[in-house]
Amino acid sequence: MHERVMLVDDNDADLLFTEIVLRARGIAGEVLTFDTARCALDHLADRTKPRVSLILLDINMPEMDGFAFLAAWERLRTQWPDAPPVVMLTSSPDPADRTRALAHASVRAYLVKPLDDASARSLLDVTA
């Protein structure tokens, strides 16, 4: 089980559904939801905030998309010896998006929404 999982997605329904699946399958003890990438990065940068053990990130978001988040996160995570990994959880089945995402050192997996049981269980194996 991941102690604290961060969900970053601009779709409220996806946030709610994913949180329900994570809790029902015992994947996360606590789920922190963010509807903007900027707010999620601000949380991660603030060392007084609770640490997360896994980040689930959407690609298609306004203002700052998932790839912009990843670029910023790659710079920020160098300050953490135990920085949490990222799993892309997106509606994009595009192989180019998958390749681009997995090129980032912090990205451990690429999953297409909605989060199903098998994908949820695979999150238990994702570590920093």
Protein backbone atom coordinates (compact mmCIF):
# COMPACT_ATOMS: atom_id res chain seq x y z
CA MET A 1 0.00 0.00 0.00
CA HIS A 2 1.13 3.53 -0.75
CA GLU A 3 0.81 5.72 2.32
CA ARG A 4 -0.17 8.86 0.44
CA VAL A 5 -1.05 9.13 -3.27
CA MET A 6 -1.33 12.40 -5.18
CA LEU A 7 -3.87 12.55 -8.04
CA VAL A 8 -3.43 15.35 -10.57
CA ASP A 9 -6.32 15.67 -13.04
CA ASP A 10 -8.58 18.53 -14.12
CA ASN A 11 -11.64 16.27 -14.41
CA ASP A 12 -13.60 16.05 -11.13
CA ALA A 13 -15.33 12.82 -12.15
CA ASP A 14 -11.99 11.14 -12.93
CA LEU A 15 -10.56 12.35 -9.61
CA LEU A 16 -13.50 10.93 -7.71
CA PHE A 17 -13.59 7.60 -9.58
CA THR A 18 -9.83 7.06 -9.25
CA GLU A 19 -9.89 7.92 -5.56
CA ILE A 20 -12.71 5.42 -4.99
CA VAL A 21 -10.79 2.67 -6.79
CA LEU A 22 -7.56 3.39 -4.90
CA ARG A 23 -9.31 3.28 -1.54
CA ALA A 24 -11.52 0.25 -2.34
CA ARG A 25 -8.52 -1.81 -3.54
CA GLY A 26 -6.31 -0.81 -0.60
CA ILE A 27 -3.79 0.92 -2.85
CA ALA A 28 -3.65 4.20 -0.89
CA GLY A 29 -3.96 5.07 2.76
CA GLU A 30 -4.60 8.72 1.91
CA VAL A 31 -5.41 10.35 -1.43
CA LEU A 32 -4.59 13.99 -2.14
CA THR A 33 -6.43 15.38 -5.17
CA PHE A 34 -5.35 18.37 -7.26
CA ASP A 35 -7.27 19.75 -10.23
CA THR A 36 -4.31 21.76 -11.53
CA ALA A 37 -0.70 20.77 -12.11
CA ARG A 38 0.52 24.06 -10.64
CA CYS A 39 -1.22 23.42 -7.29
CA ALA A 40 0.25 19.92 -7.19
CA LEU A 41 3.76 21.25 -7.83
CA ASP A 42 3.29 23.90 -5.15
CA HIS A 43 2.33 21.16 -2.69
CA LEU A 44 5.36 19.06 -3.63
CA ALA A 45 7.72 22.04 -3.32
CA ASP A 46 6.46 22.91 0.17
CA ARG A 47 8.46 20.76 2.57
CA THR A 48 5.97 21.46 5.37
CA LYS A 49 3.24 19.59 3.45
CA PRO A 50 2.73 15.84 3.85
CA ARG A 51 5.04 13.78 1.64
CA VAL A 52 3.52 11.61 -1.05
CA SER A 53 4.65 8.14 -2.07
CA LEU A 54 3.17 8.10 -5.59
CA ILE A 55 1.94 10.68 -8.11
CA LEU A 56 -0.81 9.81 -10.62
CA LEU A 57 -0.76 12.38 -13.41
CA ASP A 58 -3.05 13.18 -16.32
CA ILE A 59 -1.60 14.59 -19.55
CA ASN A 60 -4.39 16.74 -20.95
CA MET A 61 -4.99 19.65 -18.59
CA PRO A 62 -5.38 23.38 -19.20
CA GLU A 63 -2.72 25.95 -18.29
CA MET A 64 -0.05 23.36 -17.42
CA ASP A 65 -0.36 19.93 -19.00
CA GLY A 66 1.18 16.72 -17.70
CA PHE A 67 4.33 17.12 -19.79
CA ALA A 68 4.95 20.63 -18.42
CA PHE A 69 4.41 19.21 -14.93
CA LEU A 70 6.96 16.47 -15.64
CA ALA A 71 9.56 18.99 -16.82
CA ALA A 72 9.11 21.03 -13.63
CA TRP A 73 9.01 17.90 -11.45
CA GLU A 74 12.25 16.56 -12.94
CA ARG A 75 13.99 19.75 -11.77
CA LEU A 76 12.31 19.77 -8.35
CA ARG A 77 12.78 16.09 -7.53
CA THR A 78 16.57 16.37 -7.59
CA GLN A 79 16.24 17.99 -4.15
CA TRP A 80 14.65 14.81 -2.71
CA PRO A 81 16.64 11.63 -2.12
CA ASP A 82 13.37 9.67 -1.98
CA ALA A 83 11.24 11.56 -4.51
CA PRO A 84 7.97 9.81 -5.34
CA PRO A 85 7.60 8.20 -8.76
CA VAL A 86 5.01 9.25 -11.32
CA VAL A 87 2.48 7.06 -13.08
CA MET A 88 0.76 8.67 -16.04
CA LEU A 89 -2.98 8.01 -15.76
CA THR A 90 -4.46 9.54 -18.86
CA SER A 91 -7.17 9.23 -21.47
CA SER A 92 -4.53 9.28 -24.23
CA PRO A 93 -3.79 5.86 -25.77
CA ASP A 94 -1.42 7.58 -28.24
CA PRO A 95 1.90 5.64 -28.47
CA ALA A 96 3.76 8.93 -28.97
CA ASP A 97 2.43 10.22 -25.64
CA ARG A 98 3.43 6.95 -23.96
CA THR A 99 6.96 7.14 -25.38
CA ARG A 100 7.32 10.81 -24.45
CA ALA A 101 6.11 10.21 -20.90
CA LEU A 102 8.27 7.14 -20.28
CA ALA A 103 11.34 9.10 -21.44
CA HIS A 104 11.16 11.01 -18.12
CA ALA A 105 13.24 9.45 -15.36
CA SER A 106 10.49 9.83 -12.76
CA VAL A 107 7.78 8.07 -14.80
CA ARG A 108 7.43 4.39 -13.87
CA ALA A 109 4.30 3.45 -15.83
CA TYR A 110 1.73 4.68 -18.32
CA LEU A 111 -1.91 3.71 -17.75
CA VAL A 112 -4.99 4.62 -19.77
CA LYS A 113 -8.13 5.71 -17.88
CA PRO A 114 -10.32 4.54 -16.37
CA LEU A 115 -8.27 2.80 -13.69
CA ASP A 116 -9.36 -0.85 -13.67
CA ASP A 117 -8.61 -3.53 -11.08
CA ALA A 118 -5.52 -4.92 -12.84
CA SER A 119 -4.04 -1.46 -13.35
CA ALA A 120 -4.82 -0.50 -9.76
CA ARG A 121 -3.05 -3.63 -8.47
CA SER A 122 -0.02 -2.82 -10.65
CA LEU A 123 0.39 0.42 -8.69
CA LEU A 124 1.43 -1.62 -5.65
CA ASP A 125 4.64 -2.55 -7.48
CA VAL A 126 5.56 1.05 -8.36
CA THR A 127 8.34 2.33 -6.11
CA ALA A 128 10.75 5.24 -6.18
